[in-house]
Protein backbone atom coordinates (compact mmCIF):
# COMPACT_ATOMS: atom_id res chain seq x y z
CA MET A 1 202.66 198.40 20.58
CA GLU A 2 202.24 201.81 18.96
CA LYS A 3 204.89 202.48 16.36
CA THR A 4 207.16 205.53 16.50
CA ASP A 5 207.12 208.20 13.79
CA ILE A 6 210.76 207.79 12.73
CA LEU A 7 210.83 210.89 10.50
CA SER A 8 210.13 213.09 13.53
CA LEU A 9 213.18 211.80 15.41
CA SER A 10 216.39 213.81 15.59
CA LYS A 11 219.59 211.96 14.73
CA GLU A 12 220.44 211.79 18.44
CA GLU A 13 217.03 210.34 19.33
CA LEU A 14 217.36 207.81 16.52
CA GLU A 15 220.80 206.79 17.78
CA GLU A 16 219.39 206.15 21.26
CA LYS A 17 216.63 203.94 19.90
CA ILE A 18 218.97 202.01 17.59
CA LEU A 19 221.38 201.36 20.48
CA ALA A 20 218.42 200.21 22.61
CA MET A 21 217.66 197.66 19.86
CA GLY A 22 221.16 196.22 20.30
CA GLU A 23 222.45 197.62 17.02
CA LYS A 24 225.64 199.57 16.34
CA LYS A 25 225.46 203.37 16.55
CA PHE A 26 226.56 203.85 12.93
CA ARG A 27 223.37 202.15 11.77
CA ALA A 28 221.42 205.20 12.93
CA GLY A 29 223.44 207.37 10.55
CA GLN A 30 222.70 205.02 7.66
CA ILE A 31 218.98 205.02 8.45
CA TYR A 32 218.93 208.80 8.90
CA ASP A 33 220.51 209.26 5.46
CA TRP A 34 217.99 206.92 3.85
CA LEU A 35 215.17 208.97 5.36
CA HIS A 36 216.43 212.53 4.88
CA ILE A 37 218.80 212.35 1.90
CA ASN A 38 217.42 209.50 -0.21
CA LYS A 39 213.92 210.12 1.20
CA VAL A 40 212.79 206.49 0.95
CA GLU A 41 209.23 205.67 1.89
CA GLU A 42 209.76 202.04 2.91
CA PHE A 43 212.29 200.27 5.13
CA SER A 44 212.65 197.58 2.45
CA LYS A 45 214.48 200.11 0.26
CA MET A 46 217.29 200.58 2.80
CA THR A 47 219.47 198.13 0.91
CA ASN A 48 222.66 198.46 2.97
CA LEU A 49 220.81 197.12 6.03
CA SER A 50 220.25 193.44 6.68
CA ALA A 51 216.80 192.01 6.00
CA GLN A 52 216.53 191.17 9.71
CA LEU A 53 217.20 194.78 10.74
CA ARG A 54 214.74 196.11 8.20
CA GLU A 55 212.08 193.82 9.64
CA LYS A 56 212.89 195.00 13.18
CA LEU A 57 212.61 198.62 12.06
CA ASP A 58 209.25 197.92 10.47
CA ASP A 59 208.02 196.40 13.75
CA ILE A 60 209.03 199.42 15.85
CA PHE A 61 208.78 202.45 13.54
CA TRP A 62 206.68 203.79 10.71
CA ILE A 63 207.59 206.20 7.92
CA ASN A 64 205.01 208.96 7.65
CA SER A 65 203.82 210.04 4.21
CA LEU A 66 201.71 212.64 2.43
CA LYS A 67 199.62 212.12 -0.67
CA ILE A 68 198.85 214.76 -3.27
CA GLN A 69 195.07 215.25 -3.33
CA LYS A 70 195.13 218.18 -5.74
CA ARG A 71 197.75 220.18 -7.60
CA LEU A 72 197.14 223.61 -9.15
CA VAL A 73 199.84 225.03 -11.43
CA SER A 74 199.97 228.70 -12.44
CA ASP A 75 200.61 229.31 -16.14
CA ILE A 76 201.97 232.78 -15.26
CA ASP A 77 204.85 232.20 -12.83
CA ASN A 78 205.13 228.40 -12.26
CA THR A 79 203.67 228.63 -8.75
CA VAL A 80 202.32 225.24 -7.62
CA LYS A 81 199.63 224.91 -4.94
CA TYR A 82 199.35 221.47 -3.34
CA LEU A 83 196.55 219.99 -1.28
CA TYR A 84 198.18 217.20 0.73
CA GLY A 85 196.30 214.36 2.38
CA LEU A 86 197.70 213.33 5.78
CA SER A 87 197.83 209.79 7.14
CA ASP A 88 194.68 210.31 9.26
CA GLY A 89 192.62 211.71 6.37
CA GLU A 90 193.06 215.40 7.26
CA LYS A 91 194.38 217.85 4.65
CA VAL A 92 196.74 220.84 4.50
CA GLU A 93 197.88 223.24 1.79
CA THR A 94 201.42 223.95 0.60
CA VAL A 95 202.59 226.47 -2.01
CA LEU A 96 205.80 226.22 -4.07
CA MET A 97 206.98 229.50 -5.60
CA GLU A 98 209.71 230.15 -8.16
CA TYR A 99 211.88 233.28 -7.89
CA LYS A 100 215.12 234.48 -9.48
CA HIS A 101 216.96 233.71 -6.24
CA GLY A 102 215.60 230.15 -6.06
CA ASN A 103 212.53 228.17 -5.05
CA SER A 104 210.56 229.02 -1.91
CA ILE A 105 207.94 226.87 -0.21
CA CYS A 106 205.16 228.01 2.11
CA ILE A 107 204.20 225.18 4.46
CA SER A 108 201.39 224.61 6.96
CA THR A 109 202.01 223.89 10.66
CA GLN A 110 198.50 222.94 11.84
CA VAL A 111 195.28 221.49 10.50
CA GLY A 112 193.02 224.50 10.92
CA CYS A 113 193.77 227.39 13.26
CA LYS A 114 192.59 228.74 16.63
CA MET A 115 193.50 232.38 16.10
CA GLY A 116 190.27 233.60 14.47
CA CYS A 117 191.71 236.39 12.29
CA LYS A 118 188.74 237.74 10.35
CA PHE A 119 190.52 238.04 7.01
CA CYS A 120 191.98 234.50 7.03
CA ALA A 121 190.30 231.44 5.51
CA SER A 122 192.42 229.00 7.54
CA THR A 123 190.46 229.62 10.72
CA LYS A 124 186.95 229.17 9.30
CA ALA A 125 186.75 225.41 9.84
CA GLY A 126 188.27 225.68 13.31
CA PHE A 127 191.32 223.99 14.78
CA VAL A 128 191.74 220.23 14.32
CA ARG A 129 195.29 219.34 15.41
CA ASN A 130 198.97 220.23 15.31
CA LEU A 131 201.20 218.86 12.58
CA GLU A 132 204.08 216.61 13.56
CA PRO A 133 207.66 217.56 12.59
CA SER A 134 207.58 214.81 9.96
CA GLU A 135 204.45 216.28 8.36
CA MET A 136 206.16 219.65 8.00
CA LEU A 137 209.30 218.09 6.56
CA LEU A 138 207.27 215.98 4.14
CA GLN A 139 205.65 219.06 2.62
CA ILE A 140 209.18 219.98 1.49
CA TYR A 141 210.26 216.46 0.51
CA GLU A 142 207.10 215.65 -1.47
CA SER A 143 207.03 219.03 -3.22
CA GLU A 144 210.66 218.56 -4.29
CA ARG A 145 209.93 215.02 -5.45
CA ASP A 146 206.87 216.02 -7.45
CA SER A 147 208.22 219.24 -8.98
CA GLY A 148 211.81 218.21 -9.55
CA ARG A 149 212.88 221.55 -8.06
CA LYS A 150 215.36 222.07 -5.24
CA ILE A 151 213.86 224.18 -2.47
CA ASN A 152 216.11 226.98 -1.19
CA HIS A 153 213.82 228.93 1.16
CA VAL A 154 211.12 227.81 3.59
CA VAL A 155 208.30 229.99 4.91
CA LEU A 156 206.02 228.87 7.75
CA MET A 157 203.01 230.93 6.69
CA GLY A 158 200.52 228.31 5.55
CA ILE A 159 197.56 226.97 7.52
CA GLY A 160 197.90 227.37 11.28
CA GLU A 161 199.81 229.53 13.77
CA PRO A 162 203.38 228.18 13.94
CA LEU A 163 204.10 229.44 17.46
CA ASP A 164 200.93 227.74 18.73
CA ASN A 165 202.63 224.47 17.72
CA PHE A 166 205.89 225.63 19.27
CA ASP A 167 207.61 222.39 20.29
CA ASN A 168 206.92 220.58 17.02
CA VAL A 169 207.93 223.61 14.95
CA VAL A 170 211.22 223.97 16.83
CA LYS A 171 211.92 220.27 16.35
CA PHE A 172 211.13 220.61 12.64
CA LEU A 173 213.55 223.55 12.41
CA ARG A 174 216.30 221.55 14.11
CA LEU A 175 215.71 218.62 11.72
CA LEU A 176 215.82 221.02 8.80
CA SER A 177 219.05 222.66 9.97
CA ALA A 178 220.68 219.24 10.38
CA LYS A 179 220.59 218.95 6.59
CA ASP A 180 223.80 220.28 5.04
CA ASP A 181 221.92 222.04 2.23
CA MET A 182 219.54 224.17 4.33
CA SER A 183 220.51 227.08 6.58
CA LEU A 184 217.89 228.44 8.96
CA ARG A 185 218.84 231.91 7.72
CA HIS A 186 216.72 230.93 4.70
CA VAL A 187 213.69 230.17 6.87
CA SER A 188 210.91 232.56 7.94
CA VAL A 189 208.43 231.82 10.72
CA SER A 190 205.20 233.80 10.82
CA THR A 191 203.15 234.62 13.89
CA CYS A 192 200.03 236.66 14.56
CA GLY A 193 201.67 237.77 17.81
CA LEU A 194 202.09 235.11 20.51
CA VAL A 195 204.33 237.32 22.61
CA ASN A 196 205.43 234.69 25.15
CA ARG A 197 206.58 232.40 22.36
CA ILE A 198 208.47 235.21 20.57
CA TYR A 199 210.65 235.58 23.66
CA GLU A 200 211.24 231.82 23.80
CA LEU A 201 212.09 231.70 20.10
CA ALA A 202 214.50 234.60 20.46
CA ASP A 203 216.38 232.86 23.27
CA LEU A 204 216.91 229.78 21.06
CA LYS A 205 218.90 231.94 18.60
CA LEU A 206 218.08 229.72 15.64
CA GLY A 207 218.90 232.37 13.04
CA ILE A 208 215.46 232.41 11.43
CA THR A 209 213.57 235.49 10.20
CA LEU A 210 210.52 236.35 12.31
CA SER A 211 207.52 237.57 10.30
CA VAL A 212 204.83 239.25 12.36
CA SER A 213 201.29 239.49 10.99
CA LEU A 214 200.52 243.02 12.11
CA HIS A 215 197.82 244.24 9.69
CA ALA A 216 196.80 247.20 11.87
CA PRO A 217 198.76 249.94 13.67
CA THR A 218 196.42 250.56 16.64
CA ASN A 219 194.94 248.35 19.33
CA GLU A 220 191.34 249.25 18.50
CA LEU A 221 191.71 248.44 14.82
CA ARG A 222 193.84 245.34 15.33
CA SER A 223 191.48 243.86 17.93
CA SER A 224 188.58 244.29 15.51
CA ILE A 225 190.24 241.96 12.97
CA MET A 226 192.65 239.89 15.09
CA PRO A 227 191.37 238.48 18.42
CA ILE A 228 194.94 237.73 19.55
CA ASN A 229 195.35 241.48 20.15
CA ASP A 230 192.99 241.24 23.12
CA ARG A 231 195.48 238.86 24.73
CA PHE A 232 198.71 240.57 23.64
CA ARG A 233 198.40 244.28 22.97
CA ILE A 234 200.49 246.02 20.30
CA GLU A 235 202.75 247.59 22.92
CA GLU A 236 203.64 244.14 24.29
CA LEU A 237 204.14 242.82 20.77
CA MET A 238 206.52 245.65 19.87
CA GLU A 239 208.60 245.03 23.01
CA ALA A 240 208.85 241.33 22.13
CA CYS A 241 209.90 242.16 18.57
CA LYS A 242 212.59 244.55 19.81
CA TYR A 243 213.83 241.80 22.15
CA TYR A 244 213.93 239.37 19.23
CA PHE A 245 216.04 241.75 17.16
CA ASN A 246 218.37 242.66 20.02
CA THR A 247 218.87 238.99 20.94
CA THR A 248 219.27 237.52 17.47
CA GLY A 249 220.36 240.42 15.28
CA ARG A 250 217.72 239.32 12.76
CA ARG A 251 215.55 242.03 11.21
CA ILE A 252 211.79 241.67 11.84
CA SER A 253 209.45 241.46 8.86
CA TYR A 254 205.98 242.93 9.45
CA GLU A 255 203.11 241.70 7.30
CA PHE A 256 200.43 244.27 6.51
CA ALA A 257 197.58 243.16 4.23
CA LEU A 258 195.64 246.11 2.87
CA ILE A 259 191.93 245.59 3.56
CA ASP A 260 189.55 247.82 1.64
CA GLY A 261 187.94 250.38 3.91
CA VAL A 262 189.63 249.04 7.05
CA ASN A 263 193.37 249.77 7.11
CA ASP A 264 194.14 251.15 3.63
CA ASN A 265 193.87 254.86 4.48
CA ARG A 266 196.39 257.63 5.14
CA GLN A 267 195.56 257.60 8.86
CA SER A 268 196.63 253.94 9.14
CA ALA A 269 199.78 254.61 7.11
CA ASP A 270 200.80 257.48 9.40
CA ALA A 271 200.07 255.40 12.51
CA LEU A 272 202.12 252.51 11.12
CA LEU A 273 205.05 254.84 10.44
CA LYS A 274 204.88 256.18 14.00
CA LEU A 275 204.62 252.67 15.48
CA LEU A 276 207.65 251.25 13.66
CA LYS A 277 209.84 254.36 13.60
CA GLY A 278 213.39 253.56 14.71
CA GLN A 279 213.06 249.79 14.28
CA ASN A 280 215.33 247.79 11.99
CA CYS A 281 212.48 246.13 10.13
CA HIS A 282 210.86 245.40 6.80
CA VAL A 283 207.18 245.99 6.00
CA ASN A 284 205.62 243.65 3.47
């Protein structure tokens, strides 16, 4: 029998499975706290459970884990870049950043990426697989454990396109918001412009900040560096962003990386101003 990834289960899903095992419902709460508050890595460490129950849990579930393959620490601003090894041997990157307002973490949502943006290294090796909710959570848990820092803000801007892994990302966000110490108002989700998913995300009203990787103000220029623009044109993207703001009340953040000789001229600046005029937004 294939074991279930217990860290990817919501509290409600865990309760259902614990009841199906013939155990009391309150046991699910105890197990959930061991996993998400105490962050234990083995069932044997859940000391307020009977040895028999711990053995049953070990037969049915497994606790996912990440291993630090490499850690790079900046001597300028205490930024830490992690290379994490996943349980199947794949790897993802995570970055922990220190600011005056607290500690922010940039996590990955996929191994590799399908989007093909020409300026992004994440897409060069191609797409391998989506990350599970547990693997996104563990980037936070392991970075906190290793650094000794409490993480206050989460940014989904690492390897992968978060909205291409929509269901797992939404489940991760719900797991994260179930923690008393993390509001989704402190979470940003980046997208290169999957318009259909922006509408779906807006309707969920999770309270997150949407960050749109724009990088060019015209269809011709954007298509030359971001293939997604051939599928969803800028006009469609802008309509989706306006819908997101009107539905959630959350200001859009547009990402615009200046690329030498491509989009760093006055013409692009004027076109960007015209494109975003009247929107309640922030340009990074």
